[in-house]
């Protein structure tokens, strides 16, 4: 049995989708974010020292594994080779690229954007607030927003010629890329000027396995 340690409104929702596509037996243990800090509860540290989600445990192998990319690679290697292109093929290198692009390139500026947006509205002395807002706006305008726009344009151009990130085949790269793109749609970063990204998100969100995972995963604001 596979156990997914699942945090609400987190990247672990894409692991539920993958588990549904694989058709394997699994159970979900639920954790809720702190309503003030929005961080994971300390109880997750009992599963993994960093106290983050997703984490899986697999009774068949005795393994406990964190990090979305590593979990996706493990699950596909063990239970779903059909979601991984043939090794050394052109599609395989695309698979590796987008699998790492999600967390290595796309998520960092998106996380920075979230931090600076919260910084502008965080409680602080009145005389500091204008300075904090000015600094946040400056970093957003000069670095964060241009980086996000550049990457979204790059993804848009790729999806203009591909159904999935590796062509016509749904792969682990799509599970990995799903979270930042649907979160971006939900937060208004992706509008009508990105029609292919919008179509892509609607395509995977309409899949029966995705819908089943959504029903099982509980609160998730990005769908």
N, C-alpha and C. Protein backbone atom coordinates (compact mmCIF):
# COMPACT_ATOMS: atom_id res chain seq x y z
N UNK A 1 0.84 -1.20 0.00
CA UNK A 1 0.00 0.00 0.00
C UNK A 1 0.88 1.25 0.00
N UNK A 2 0.50 2.21 -0.81
CA UNK A 2 1.18 3.50 -0.85
C UNK A 2 0.39 4.48 0.00
N UNK A 3 1.09 5.21 0.83
CA UNK A 3 0.46 6.27 1.63
C UNK A 3 1.00 7.61 1.18
N UNK A 4 0.10 8.52 0.85
CA UNK A 4 0.47 9.89 0.50
C UNK A 4 0.14 10.79 1.67
N UNK A 5 1.14 11.49 2.14
CA UNK A 5 0.94 12.48 3.20
C UNK A 5 0.66 13.81 2.50
N UNK A 6 -0.59 14.20 2.58
CA UNK A 6 -1.15 15.25 1.70
C UNK A 6 -1.53 16.49 2.48
N UNK A 7 -0.98 17.61 2.06
CA UNK A 7 -1.28 18.92 2.64
C UNK A 7 -2.28 19.64 1.76
N UNK A 8 -3.28 20.25 2.37
CA UNK A 8 -4.28 20.95 1.56
C UNK A 8 -3.65 22.10 0.78
N UNK A 9 -4.19 22.36 -0.40
CA UNK A 9 -3.72 23.44 -1.27
C UNK A 9 -2.21 23.36 -1.51
N UNK A 10 -1.73 22.19 -1.85
CA UNK A 10 -0.29 22.04 -2.02
C UNK A 10 0.03 21.25 -3.29
N UNK A 11 1.33 21.11 -3.55
CA UNK A 11 1.80 20.40 -4.72
C UNK A 11 1.51 18.91 -4.66
N UNK A 12 1.10 18.43 -3.51
CA UNK A 12 0.82 16.99 -3.41
C UNK A 12 -0.46 16.60 -4.14
N UNK A 13 -1.29 17.59 -4.53
CA UNK A 13 -2.49 17.26 -5.30
C UNK A 13 -2.13 16.59 -6.62
N UNK A 14 -1.02 17.00 -7.24
CA UNK A 14 -0.63 16.39 -8.50
C UNK A 14 -0.20 14.94 -8.32
N UNK A 15 0.25 14.58 -7.10
CA UNK A 15 0.60 13.19 -6.83
C UNK A 15 -0.66 12.34 -6.74
N UNK A 16 -1.73 12.90 -6.18
CA UNK A 16 -3.00 12.18 -6.16
C UNK A 16 -3.47 11.91 -7.58
N UNK A 17 -3.37 12.91 -8.44
CA UNK A 17 -3.74 12.72 -9.85
C UNK A 17 -2.93 11.58 -10.46
N UNK A 18 -1.62 11.57 -10.24
CA UNK A 18 -0.78 10.51 -10.78
C UNK A 18 -1.19 9.15 -10.23
N UNK A 19 -1.44 9.06 -8.94
CA UNK A 19 -1.84 7.79 -8.34
C UNK A 19 -3.14 7.29 -8.96
N UNK A 20 -4.06 8.19 -9.25
CA UNK A 20 -5.31 7.82 -9.90
C UNK A 20 -5.06 7.32 -11.32
N UNK A 21 -4.19 7.99 -12.04
CA UNK A 21 -3.86 7.55 -13.41
C UNK A 21 -3.19 6.17 -13.39
N UNK A 22 -2.38 5.91 -12.37
CA UNK A 22 -1.68 4.63 -12.27
C UNK A 22 -2.63 3.50 -11.87
N UNK A 23 -3.70 3.83 -11.18
CA UNK A 23 -4.65 2.81 -10.77
C UNK A 23 -4.13 1.91 -9.66
N UNK A 24 -3.22 2.41 -8.83
CA UNK A 24 -2.66 1.61 -7.74
C UNK A 24 -3.46 1.83 -6.46
N UNK A 25 -3.32 0.90 -5.52
CA UNK A 25 -3.96 1.07 -4.21
C UNK A 25 -3.17 2.09 -3.40
N UNK A 26 -3.86 3.05 -2.84
CA UNK A 26 -3.20 4.05 -2.01
C UNK A 26 -4.17 4.62 -1.01
N UNK A 27 -3.63 5.21 0.02
CA UNK A 27 -4.44 5.93 1.00
C UNK A 27 -3.84 7.31 1.21
N UNK A 28 -4.67 8.22 1.66
CA UNK A 28 -4.25 9.60 1.90
C UNK A 28 -4.33 9.91 3.38
N UNK A 29 -3.25 10.46 3.93
CA UNK A 29 -3.29 11.01 5.27
C UNK A 29 -3.27 12.53 5.14
N UNK A 30 -4.25 13.17 5.71
CA UNK A 30 -4.48 14.60 5.50
C UNK A 30 -3.82 15.46 6.58
N UNK A 31 -3.29 16.60 6.13
CA UNK A 31 -2.70 17.59 7.01
C UNK A 31 -3.22 18.96 6.58
N UNK A 32 -3.44 19.83 7.55
CA UNK A 32 -3.98 21.16 7.25
C UNK A 32 -2.94 22.24 7.54
N UNK A 33 -2.91 23.24 6.70
CA UNK A 33 -2.00 24.37 6.90
C UNK A 33 -2.42 25.20 8.12
N UNK A 34 -1.44 25.80 8.75
CA UNK A 34 -1.72 26.74 9.82
C UNK A 34 -2.45 27.94 9.22
N UNK A 35 -3.60 28.33 9.79
CA UNK A 35 -4.39 29.42 9.18
C UNK A 35 -3.69 30.78 9.21
N UNK A 36 -2.70 30.94 10.09
CA UNK A 36 -2.00 32.22 10.18
C UNK A 36 -0.75 32.22 9.31
N UNK A 37 0.11 31.23 9.50
CA UNK A 37 1.37 31.19 8.77
C UNK A 37 1.24 30.55 7.39
N UNK A 38 0.17 29.78 7.17
CA UNK A 38 -0.06 29.03 5.93
C UNK A 38 1.00 27.94 5.75
N UNK A 39 1.75 27.62 6.78
CA UNK A 39 2.76 26.58 6.70
C UNK A 39 2.18 25.23 7.09
N UNK A 40 2.91 24.17 6.76
CA UNK A 40 2.49 22.82 7.11
C UNK A 40 2.59 22.62 8.62
N UNK A 41 1.77 21.74 9.18
CA UNK A 41 1.85 21.49 10.63
C UNK A 41 3.12 20.72 11.00
N UNK A 42 3.51 20.84 12.25
CA UNK A 42 4.73 20.16 12.72
C UNK A 42 4.61 18.65 12.64
N UNK A 43 3.39 18.14 12.62
CA UNK A 43 3.19 16.69 12.57
C UNK A 43 3.79 16.05 11.33
N UNK A 44 3.96 16.83 10.27
CA UNK A 44 4.59 16.28 9.06
C UNK A 44 6.06 15.96 9.30
N UNK A 45 6.67 16.59 10.30
CA UNK A 45 8.07 16.29 10.59
C UNK A 45 8.25 14.88 11.14
N UNK A 46 7.17 14.31 11.65
CA UNK A 46 7.25 12.93 12.11
C UNK A 46 7.42 11.97 10.93
N UNK A 47 7.03 12.43 9.75
CA UNK A 47 7.14 11.61 8.54
C UNK A 47 8.45 11.90 7.82
N UNK A 48 8.78 13.19 7.72
CA UNK A 48 10.03 13.61 7.07
C UNK A 48 10.58 14.81 7.83
N UNK A 49 11.89 14.86 8.07
CA UNK A 49 12.47 15.91 8.91
C UNK A 49 12.16 17.34 8.47
N UNK A 50 11.96 17.57 7.17
CA UNK A 50 11.69 18.92 6.69
C UNK A 50 10.23 19.33 6.89
N UNK A 51 9.37 18.37 7.19
CA UNK A 51 7.98 18.70 7.49
C UNK A 51 7.23 19.32 6.34
N UNK A 52 7.49 18.83 5.13
CA UNK A 52 6.81 19.37 3.95
C UNK A 52 6.03 18.28 3.24
N UNK A 53 5.19 18.69 2.32
CA UNK A 53 4.38 17.77 1.54
C UNK A 53 4.58 18.07 0.07
N UNK A 54 4.57 17.06 -0.80
CA UNK A 54 4.18 15.68 -0.55
C UNK A 54 5.31 14.80 -0.02
N UNK A 55 4.89 13.76 0.67
CA UNK A 55 5.75 12.66 1.07
C UNK A 55 4.96 11.39 0.85
N UNK A 56 5.61 10.36 0.35
CA UNK A 56 4.95 9.06 0.22
C UNK A 56 5.73 8.02 1.02
N UNK A 57 5.00 7.02 1.48
CA UNK A 57 5.61 5.80 2.00
C UNK A 57 5.02 4.65 1.21
N UNK A 58 5.88 3.71 0.83
CA UNK A 58 5.45 2.56 0.03
C UNK A 58 5.79 1.29 0.81
N UNK A 59 4.76 0.59 1.27
CA UNK A 59 4.97 -0.62 2.05
C UNK A 59 5.70 -1.70 1.25
N UNK A 60 5.52 -1.69 -0.07
CA UNK A 60 6.13 -2.73 -0.90
C UNK A 60 7.64 -2.66 -0.89
N UNK A 61 8.18 -1.45 -0.84
CA UNK A 61 9.63 -1.26 -0.87
C UNK A 61 10.19 -0.78 0.46
N UNK A 62 9.31 -0.31 1.34
CA UNK A 62 9.75 0.23 2.62
C UNK A 62 10.33 1.63 2.50
N UNK A 63 10.14 2.28 1.38
CA UNK A 63 10.74 3.57 1.14
C UNK A 63 9.83 4.70 1.61
N UNK A 64 10.45 5.76 2.14
CA UNK A 64 9.77 7.02 2.41
C UNK A 64 10.46 8.07 1.56
N UNK A 65 9.68 8.80 0.77
CA UNK A 65 10.28 9.69 -0.22
C UNK A 65 9.56 11.03 -0.26
N UNK A 66 10.35 12.11 -0.27
CA UNK A 66 9.82 13.46 -0.41
C UNK A 66 10.25 14.03 -1.77
N UNK A 67 9.80 15.25 -2.06
CA UNK A 67 10.06 15.98 -3.30
C UNK A 67 9.20 15.43 -4.45
N UNK A 68 8.38 16.31 -5.00
CA UNK A 68 7.44 15.92 -6.05
C UNK A 68 8.12 15.21 -7.22
N UNK A 69 9.22 15.79 -7.72
CA UNK A 69 9.89 15.20 -8.88
C UNK A 69 10.39 13.80 -8.59
N UNK A 70 10.99 13.61 -7.42
CA UNK A 70 11.49 12.30 -7.04
C UNK A 70 10.35 11.31 -6.87
N UNK A 71 9.25 11.76 -6.28
CA UNK A 71 8.08 10.89 -6.09
C UNK A 71 7.50 10.48 -7.44
N UNK A 72 7.38 11.43 -8.35
CA UNK A 72 6.85 11.12 -9.68
C UNK A 72 7.75 10.12 -10.39
N UNK A 73 9.06 10.34 -10.34
CA UNK A 73 10.00 9.40 -10.95
C UNK A 73 9.88 8.01 -10.33
N UNK A 74 9.77 7.94 -9.02
CA UNK A 74 9.67 6.66 -8.34
C UNK A 74 8.39 5.93 -8.73
N UNK A 75 7.26 6.61 -8.64
CA UNK A 75 5.99 5.96 -8.93
C UNK A 75 5.91 5.47 -10.37
N UNK A 76 6.41 6.28 -11.29
CA UNK A 76 6.40 5.88 -12.69
C UNK A 76 7.34 4.70 -12.93
N UNK A 77 8.51 4.74 -12.33
CA UNK A 77 9.46 3.65 -12.50
C UNK A 77 8.91 2.33 -11.95
N UNK A 78 8.20 2.42 -10.83
CA UNK A 78 7.71 1.21 -10.18
C UNK A 78 6.38 0.72 -10.74
N UNK A 79 5.50 1.67 -11.11
CA UNK A 79 4.12 1.29 -11.40
C UNK A 79 3.57 1.81 -12.73
N UNK A 80 4.30 2.68 -13.43
CA UNK A 80 3.72 3.26 -14.63
C UNK A 80 4.71 3.62 -15.70
N UNK A 81 5.46 2.66 -16.23
CA UNK A 81 6.45 2.99 -17.26
C UNK A 81 5.84 3.63 -18.51
N UNK A 82 4.52 3.50 -18.69
CA UNK A 82 3.87 4.10 -19.85
C UNK A 82 3.87 5.62 -19.78
N UNK A 83 4.17 6.17 -18.62
CA UNK A 83 4.20 7.63 -18.46
C UNK A 83 5.61 8.20 -18.58
N UNK A 84 6.52 7.40 -19.12
CA UNK A 84 7.90 7.84 -19.30
C UNK A 84 8.36 7.45 -20.71
N UNK A 85 8.80 8.42 -21.52
CA UNK A 85 9.24 8.09 -22.88
C UNK A 85 10.42 7.13 -22.88
N UNK A 86 10.60 6.48 -24.00
CA UNK A 86 11.72 5.56 -24.15
C UNK A 86 13.03 6.30 -23.92
N UNK A 87 13.90 5.71 -23.11
CA UNK A 87 15.14 6.37 -22.74
C UNK A 87 16.00 6.69 -23.96
N UNK A 88 16.60 7.87 -23.93
CA UNK A 88 17.49 8.38 -24.98
C UNK A 88 16.74 8.84 -26.23
N UNK A 89 15.39 8.75 -26.22
CA UNK A 89 14.63 9.31 -27.34
C UNK A 89 14.55 10.83 -27.17
N UNK A 90 14.16 11.53 -28.23
CA UNK A 90 14.01 12.99 -28.14
C UNK A 90 12.99 13.36 -27.07
N UNK A 91 11.91 12.57 -27.00
CA UNK A 91 10.86 12.84 -26.03
C UNK A 91 11.36 12.63 -24.59
N UNK A 92 12.30 11.69 -24.44
CA UNK A 92 12.84 11.43 -23.11
C UNK A 92 13.58 12.64 -22.56
N UNK A 93 14.35 13.31 -23.41
CA UNK A 93 15.09 14.49 -22.96
C UNK A 93 14.14 15.65 -22.68
N UNK A 94 13.06 15.74 -23.46
CA UNK A 94 12.03 16.73 -23.16
C UNK A 94 11.39 16.42 -21.81
N UNK A 95 11.15 15.14 -21.57
CA UNK A 95 10.58 14.68 -20.30
C UNK A 95 11.45 15.13 -19.13
N UNK A 96 12.74 14.87 -19.21
CA UNK A 96 13.66 15.27 -18.15
C UNK A 96 13.70 16.79 -17.99
N UNK A 97 13.72 17.48 -19.12
CA UNK A 97 13.81 18.95 -19.08
C UNK A 97 12.63 19.55 -18.33
N UNK A 98 11.41 19.20 -18.75
CA UNK A 98 10.23 19.81 -18.14
C UNK A 98 10.02 19.31 -16.72
N UNK A 99 10.43 18.09 -16.42
CA UNK A 99 10.33 17.57 -15.06
C UNK A 99 11.14 18.43 -14.10
N UNK A 100 12.31 18.89 -14.55
CA UNK A 100 13.16 19.73 -13.71
C UNK A 100 12.83 21.22 -13.84
N UNK A 101 12.32 21.61 -14.99
CA UNK A 101 12.00 23.02 -15.23
C UNK A 101 10.95 23.53 -14.23
N UNK A 102 9.99 22.71 -13.92
CA UNK A 102 8.88 23.12 -13.06
C UNK A 102 9.37 23.70 -11.74
N UNK A 103 10.20 22.95 -11.03
CA UNK A 103 10.67 23.41 -9.73
C UNK A 103 11.97 24.22 -9.82
N UNK A 104 12.78 23.95 -10.85
CA UNK A 104 14.06 24.62 -10.95
C UNK A 104 14.00 26.01 -11.54
N UNK A 105 13.05 26.26 -12.46
CA UNK A 105 12.98 27.55 -13.15
C UNK A 105 11.67 28.30 -12.90
N UNK A 106 10.55 27.58 -12.98
CA UNK A 106 9.26 28.26 -12.94
C UNK A 106 8.80 28.61 -11.52
N UNK A 107 8.96 27.68 -10.59
CA UNK A 107 8.43 27.92 -9.25
C UNK A 107 9.18 28.99 -8.45
N UNK A 108 10.53 29.11 -8.56
CA UNK A 108 11.21 30.11 -7.72
C UNK A 108 10.67 31.54 -7.86
N UNK A 109 10.52 32.09 -9.09
CA UNK A 109 9.97 33.45 -9.15
C UNK A 109 8.51 33.52 -8.73
N UNK A 110 7.77 32.41 -8.89
CA UNK A 110 6.38 32.41 -8.44
C UNK A 110 6.29 32.44 -6.92
N UNK A 111 7.19 31.73 -6.27
CA UNK A 111 7.23 31.76 -4.81
C UNK A 111 7.66 33.15 -4.34
N UNK A 112 8.65 33.74 -5.04
CA UNK A 112 9.08 35.09 -4.70
C UNK A 112 7.91 36.07 -4.83
N UNK A 113 7.13 35.93 -5.87
CA UNK A 113 5.98 36.81 -6.06
C UNK A 113 5.01 36.68 -4.89
N UNK A 114 4.75 35.46 -4.48
CA UNK A 114 3.84 35.24 -3.35
C UNK A 114 4.38 35.88 -2.08
N UNK A 115 5.68 35.75 -1.84
CA UNK A 115 6.30 36.31 -0.64
C UNK A 115 6.20 37.83 -0.64
N UNK A 116 6.51 38.45 -1.79
CA UNK A 116 6.47 39.92 -1.84
C UNK A 116 5.05 40.45 -1.80
N UNK A 117 4.10 39.71 -2.35
CA UNK A 117 2.70 40.14 -2.25
C UNK A 117 2.25 40.12 -0.79
N UNK A 118 2.66 39.09 -0.06
CA UNK A 118 2.30 39.01 1.36
C UNK A 118 3.03 40.09 2.16
N UNK A 119 4.25 40.39 1.75
CA UNK A 119 5.03 41.41 2.43
C UNK A 119 4.32 42.76 2.39
N UNK A 120 3.66 43.07 1.30
CA UNK A 120 3.00 44.37 1.14
C UNK A 120 1.78 44.52 2.05
N UNK A 121 1.21 43.37 2.46
CA UNK A 121 -0.01 43.43 3.27
C UNK A 121 0.22 42.95 4.71
N UNK A 122 1.45 42.56 5.03
CA UNK A 122 1.75 42.04 6.36
C UNK A 122 1.67 43.13 7.42
N UNK A 123 1.25 42.80 8.64
CA UNK A 123 1.22 43.79 9.73
C UNK A 123 2.63 44.28 10.03
N UNK A 124 2.78 45.59 10.16
CA UNK A 124 4.07 46.19 10.48
C UNK A 124 3.85 47.64 10.92
N UNK A 125 4.82 48.26 11.59
CA UNK A 125 4.66 49.67 12.00
C UNK A 125 4.35 50.56 10.79
N UNK A 126 3.48 51.54 11.00
CA UNK A 126 2.99 52.37 9.89
C UNK A 126 4.13 53.08 9.15
N UNK A 127 5.20 53.44 9.86
CA UNK A 127 6.27 54.19 9.22
C UNK A 127 7.19 53.28 8.38
N UNK A 128 7.08 51.98 8.57
CA UNK A 128 7.87 51.04 7.78
C UNK A 128 7.11 50.59 6.54
N UNK A 129 5.79 50.56 6.62
CA UNK A 129 4.95 50.01 5.56
C UNK A 129 5.23 50.63 4.19
N UNK A 130 5.33 51.98 4.05
CA UNK A 130 5.60 52.55 2.73
C UNK A 130 6.94 52.08 2.14
N UNK A 131 7.94 51.96 3.01
CA UNK A 131 9.26 51.51 2.54
C UNK A 131 9.20 50.06 2.09
N UNK A 132 8.53 49.22 2.88
CA UNK A 132 8.40 47.81 2.54
C UNK A 132 7.65 47.64 1.22
N UNK A 133 6.58 48.41 1.06
CA UNK A 133 5.80 48.34 -0.18
C UNK A 133 6.63 48.79 -1.37
N UNK A 134 7.41 49.85 -1.19
CA UNK A 134 8.24 50.37 -2.28
C UNK A 134 9.29 49.33 -2.69
N UNK A 135 9.93 48.71 -1.71
CA UNK A 135 10.94 47.69 -2.00
C UNK A 135 10.33 46.49 -2.69
N UNK A 136 9.17 46.06 -2.20
CA UNK A 136 8.49 44.91 -2.80
C UNK A 136 8.11 45.20 -4.25
N UNK A 137 7.54 46.38 -4.48
CA UNK A 137 7.14 46.76 -5.84
C UNK A 137 8.35 46.83 -6.77
N UNK A 138 9.46 47.35 -6.26
CA UNK A 138 10.67 47.50 -7.07
C UNK A 138 11.18 46.13 -7.51
N UNK A 139 11.26 45.19 -6.57
CA UNK A 139 11.75 43.85 -6.91
C UNK A 139 10.78 43.14 -7.84
N UNK A 140 9.50 43.33 -7.60
CA UNK A 140 8.49 42.70 -8.47
C UNK A 140 8.61 43.22 -9.90
N UNK A 141 8.73 44.53 -10.05
CA UNK A 141 8.75 45.14 -11.37
C UNK A 141 10.05 44.88 -12.13
N UNK A 142 11.16 44.85 -11.41
CA UNK A 142 12.45 44.75 -12.08
C UNK A 142 12.93 43.31 -12.27
N UNK A 143 12.45 42.40 -11.45
CA UNK A 143 12.98 41.04 -11.51
C UNK A 143 11.91 39.96 -11.58
N UNK A 144 11.01 39.92 -10.61
CA UNK A 144 10.08 38.80 -10.48
C UNK A 144 9.11 38.73 -11.66
N UNK A 145 8.38 39.81 -11.90
CA UNK A 145 7.36 39.79 -12.97
C UNK A 145 7.96 39.56 -14.35
N UNK A 146 9.07 40.23 -14.72
CA UNK A 146 9.67 39.94 -16.03
C UNK A 146 10.09 38.48 -16.19
N UNK A 147 10.61 37.87 -15.13
CA UNK A 147 11.00 36.47 -15.20
C UNK A 147 9.80 35.56 -15.41
N UNK A 148 8.73 35.83 -14.68
CA UNK A 148 7.53 35.01 -14.83
C UNK A 148 6.96 35.15 -16.24
N UNK A 149 6.86 36.39 -16.73
CA UNK A 149 6.32 36.61 -18.08
C UNK A 149 7.16 35.89 -19.13
N UNK A 150 8.46 35.99 -19.01
CA UNK A 150 9.35 35.36 -19.98
C UNK A 150 9.16 33.84 -20.00
N UNK A 151 9.01 33.25 -18.84
CA UNK A 151 8.85 31.81 -18.77
C UNK A 151 7.48 31.37 -19.28
N UNK A 152 6.44 32.14 -18.96
CA UNK A 152 5.11 31.79 -19.44
C UNK A 152 5.03 31.91 -20.96
N UNK A 153 5.69 32.90 -21.53
CA UNK A 153 5.72 33.02 -23.00
C UNK A 153 6.43 31.82 -23.63
N UNK A 154 7.48 31.37 -22.99
CA UNK A 154 8.23 30.21 -23.45
C UNK A 154 7.36 28.95 -23.41
N UNK A 155 6.63 28.77 -22.32
CA UNK A 155 5.73 27.62 -22.20
C UNK A 155 4.60 27.71 -23.21
N UNK A 156 4.05 28.91 -23.38
CA UNK A 156 2.97 29.12 -24.35
C UNK A 156 3.41 28.72 -25.75
N UNK A 157 4.61 29.12 -26.14
CA UNK A 157 5.13 28.78 -27.47
C UNK A 157 5.31 27.27 -27.61
N UNK A 158 5.75 26.61 -26.56
CA UNK A 158 5.93 25.16 -26.61
C UNK A 158 4.59 24.44 -26.75
N UNK A 159 3.61 24.85 -25.96
CA UNK A 159 2.31 24.18 -25.99
C UNK A 159 1.51 24.50 -27.25
N UNK A 160 1.92 25.52 -27.98
CA UNK A 160 1.26 25.83 -29.25
C UNK A 160 1.46 24.69 -30.25
N UNK A 161 2.51 23.89 -30.04
CA UNK A 161 2.83 22.81 -30.98
C UNK A 161 2.80 21.43 -30.35
N UNK A 162 2.33 21.35 -29.09
CA UNK A 162 2.32 20.06 -28.40
C UNK A 162 1.04 19.92 -27.57
N UNK A 163 0.45 18.74 -27.62
CA UNK A 163 -0.71 18.47 -26.77
C UNK A 163 -0.28 18.37 -25.31
N UNK A 164 0.80 17.61 -25.08
CA UNK A 164 1.40 17.47 -23.77
C UNK A 164 2.83 17.97 -23.84
N UNK A 165 3.51 18.03 -22.73
CA UNK A 165 4.86 18.61 -22.75
C UNK A 165 5.85 17.77 -23.53
N UNK A 166 5.57 16.49 -23.68
CA UNK A 166 6.46 15.63 -24.49
C UNK A 166 5.79 15.19 -25.78
N UNK A 167 4.87 15.98 -26.29
CA UNK A 167 4.23 15.67 -27.56
C UNK A 167 2.82 15.17 -27.36
N UNK A 168 2.53 13.97 -27.88
CA UNK A 168 1.17 13.42 -27.80
C UNK A 168 1.00 12.47 -26.62
N UNK A 169 2.06 12.30 -25.82
CA UNK A 169 2.04 11.33 -24.73
C UNK A 169 2.01 12.04 -23.38
N UNK A 170 1.02 11.69 -22.55
CA UNK A 170 0.98 12.17 -21.18
C UNK A 170 2.13 11.52 -20.41
N UNK A 171 2.96 12.34 -19.76
CA UNK A 171 4.12 11.81 -19.04
C UNK A 171 4.23 12.44 -17.66
N UNK A 172 5.24 11.97 -16.92
CA UNK A 172 5.50 12.54 -15.60
C UNK A 172 5.74 14.03 -15.64
N UNK A 173 6.25 14.54 -16.76
CA UNK A 173 6.49 15.98 -16.89
C UNK A 173 5.19 16.77 -16.75
N UNK A 174 4.10 16.20 -17.23
CA UNK A 174 2.81 16.89 -17.16
C UNK A 174 2.29 16.94 -15.73
N UNK A 175 2.46 15.86 -14.98
CA UNK A 175 2.05 15.90 -13.57
C UNK A 175 2.85 16.97 -12.83
N UNK A 176 4.15 17.05 -13.13
CA UNK A 176 5.02 18.01 -12.45
C UNK A 176 4.67 19.45 -12.84
N UNK A 177 4.38 19.68 -14.10
CA UNK A 177 4.10 21.04 -14.57
C UNK A 177 2.68 21.49 -14.23
N UNK A 178 1.83 20.57 -13.86
CA UNK A 178 0.42 20.92 -13.66
C UNK A 178 0.23 21.96 -12.54
N UNK A 179 0.93 21.79 -11.42
CA UNK A 179 0.68 22.68 -10.29
C UNK A 179 1.00 24.15 -10.57
N UNK A 180 2.21 24.49 -11.04
CA UNK A 180 2.48 25.91 -11.25
C UNK A 180 1.58 26.55 -12.29
N UNK A 181 1.15 25.78 -13.29
CA UNK A 181 0.30 26.36 -14.33
C UNK A 181 -1.13 26.57 -13.86
N UNK A 182 -1.69 25.59 -13.17
CA UNK A 182 -3.06 25.81 -12.71
C UNK A 182 -3.10 26.83 -11.57
N UNK A 183 -2.04 26.89 -10.76
CA UNK A 183 -1.97 27.93 -9.73
C UNK A 183 -1.88 29.31 -10.38
N UNK A 184 -1.14 29.41 -11.48
CA UNK A 184 -1.00 30.69 -12.19
C UNK A 184 -2.32 31.13 -12.80
N UNK A 185 -3.08 30.17 -13.33
CA UNK A 185 -4.40 30.49 -13.87
C UNK A 185 -5.29 31.00 -12.74
N UNK A 186 -5.28 30.29 -11.62
CA UNK A 186 -6.15 30.65 -10.50
C UNK A 186 -5.80 32.03 -9.94
N UNK A 187 -4.52 32.41 -9.99
CA UNK A 187 -4.08 33.69 -9.44
C UNK A 187 -4.12 34.82 -10.46
N UNK A 188 -4.60 34.55 -11.66
CA UNK A 188 -4.76 35.58 -12.65
C UNK A 188 -3.51 35.93 -13.43
N UNK A 189 -2.46 35.11 -13.32
CA UNK A 189 -1.24 35.38 -14.07
C UNK A 189 -1.36 34.95 -15.53
N UNK A 190 -2.27 34.06 -15.80
CA UNK A 190 -2.45 33.54 -17.16
C UNK A 190 -3.83 33.94 -17.65
N UNK A 191 -3.85 34.90 -18.59
CA UNK A 191 -5.11 35.38 -19.14
C UNK A 191 -5.30 34.95 -20.57
N UNK A 192 -6.06 35.72 -21.32
CA UNK A 192 -6.39 35.38 -22.70
C UNK A 192 -5.18 35.44 -23.62
N UNK A 193 -4.09 36.06 -23.17
CA UNK A 193 -2.89 36.14 -24.00
C UNK A 193 -2.07 34.84 -23.95
N UNK A 194 -2.55 33.88 -23.17
CA UNK A 194 -1.90 32.57 -23.11
C UNK A 194 -2.93 31.47 -23.40
N UNK A 195 -3.51 31.46 -24.60
CA UNK A 195 -4.60 30.51 -24.89
C UNK A 195 -4.17 29.05 -24.84
N UNK A 196 -2.93 28.75 -25.22
CA UNK A 196 -2.49 27.35 -25.25
C UNK A 196 -2.25 26.81 -23.85
N UNK A 197 -1.78 27.66 -22.93
CA UNK A 197 -1.64 27.23 -21.54
C UNK A 197 -3.02 27.01 -20.95
N UNK A 198 -3.94 27.92 -21.22
CA UNK A 198 -5.30 27.76 -20.72
C UNK A 198 -5.92 26.46 -21.22
N UNK A 199 -5.74 26.17 -22.50
CA UNK A 199 -6.28 24.94 -23.07
C UNK A 199 -5.65 23.72 -22.42
N UNK A 200 -4.34 23.79 -22.21
CA UNK A 200 -3.62 22.68 -21.60
C UNK A 200 -4.15 22.39 -20.20
N UNK A 201 -4.32 23.44 -19.39
CA UNK A 201 -4.82 23.27 -18.03
C UNK A 201 -6.22 22.68 -18.04
N UNK A 202 -7.08 23.18 -18.91
CA UNK A 202 -8.44 22.64 -19.00
C UNK A 202 -8.43 21.19 -19.45
N UNK A 203 -7.47 20.83 -20.32
CA UNK A 203 -7.40 19.46 -20.81
C UNK A 203 -7.08 18.48 -19.69
N UNK A 204 -6.05 18.78 -18.88
CA UNK A 204 -5.73 17.81 -17.83
C UNK A 204 -6.73 17.86 -16.68
N UNK A 205 -7.33 19.03 -16.45
CA UNK A 205 -8.32 19.11 -15.38
C UNK A 205 -9.61 18.38 -15.72
N UNK A 206 -9.83 18.12 -17.00
CA UNK A 206 -11.04 17.41 -17.42
C UNK A 206 -10.87 15.90 -17.41
N UNK A 207 -9.66 15.40 -17.22
CA UNK A 207 -9.43 13.96 -17.20
C UNK A 207 -10.14 13.31 -16.00
N UNK A 208 -10.66 12.12 -16.22
CA UNK A 208 -11.40 11.42 -15.17
C UNK A 208 -10.53 11.17 -13.95
N UNK A 209 -9.26 10.82 -14.17
CA UNK A 209 -8.36 10.54 -13.04
C UNK A 209 -8.08 11.81 -12.24
N UNK A 210 -7.96 12.93 -12.93
CA UNK A 210 -7.74 14.20 -12.23
C UNK A 210 -8.95 14.53 -11.37
N UNK A 211 -10.14 14.38 -11.95
CA UNK A 211 -11.37 14.68 -11.22
C UNK A 211 -11.54 13.75 -10.01
N UNK A 212 -11.18 12.49 -10.18
CA UNK A 212 -11.25 11.55 -9.06
C UNK A 212 -10.29 11.96 -7.96
N UNK A 213 -9.07 12.36 -8.34
CA UNK A 213 -8.09 12.81 -7.37
C UNK A 213 -8.52 14.07 -6.66
N UNK A 214 -9.20 14.95 -7.39
CA UNK A 214 -9.69 16.20 -6.80
C UNK A 214 -10.75 15.90 -5.74
N UNK A 215 -11.60 14.94 -6.03
CA UNK A 215 -12.65 14.57 -5.08
C UNK A 215 -12.06 13.96 -3.81
N UNK A 216 -10.96 13.24 -3.95
CA UNK A 216 -10.35 12.58 -2.80
C UNK A 216 -9.42 13.51 -2.01
N UNK A 217 -8.86 14.51 -2.67
CA UNK A 217 -7.83 15.33 -2.04
C UNK A 217 -8.34 16.42 -1.12
N UNK A 218 -9.61 16.75 -1.20
CA UNK A 218 -10.15 17.79 -0.32
C UNK A 218 -9.86 19.19 -0.83
N UNK A 219 -9.77 20.13 0.07
CA UNK A 219 -9.63 21.55 -0.28
C UNK A 219 -8.46 21.79 -1.24
N UNK A 220 -8.78 22.44 -2.35
CA UNK A 220 -7.74 22.76 -3.35
C UNK A 220 -8.24 23.93 -4.18
N UNK A 221 -7.65 25.09 -3.98
CA UNK A 221 -8.17 26.33 -4.56
C UNK A 221 -7.78 26.56 -6.02
N UNK A 222 -6.93 25.71 -6.58
CA UNK A 222 -6.36 26.02 -7.89
C UNK A 222 -7.04 25.32 -9.04
N UNK A 223 -8.01 24.47 -8.75
CA UNK A 223 -8.72 23.74 -9.82
C UNK A 223 -9.93 24.54 -10.29
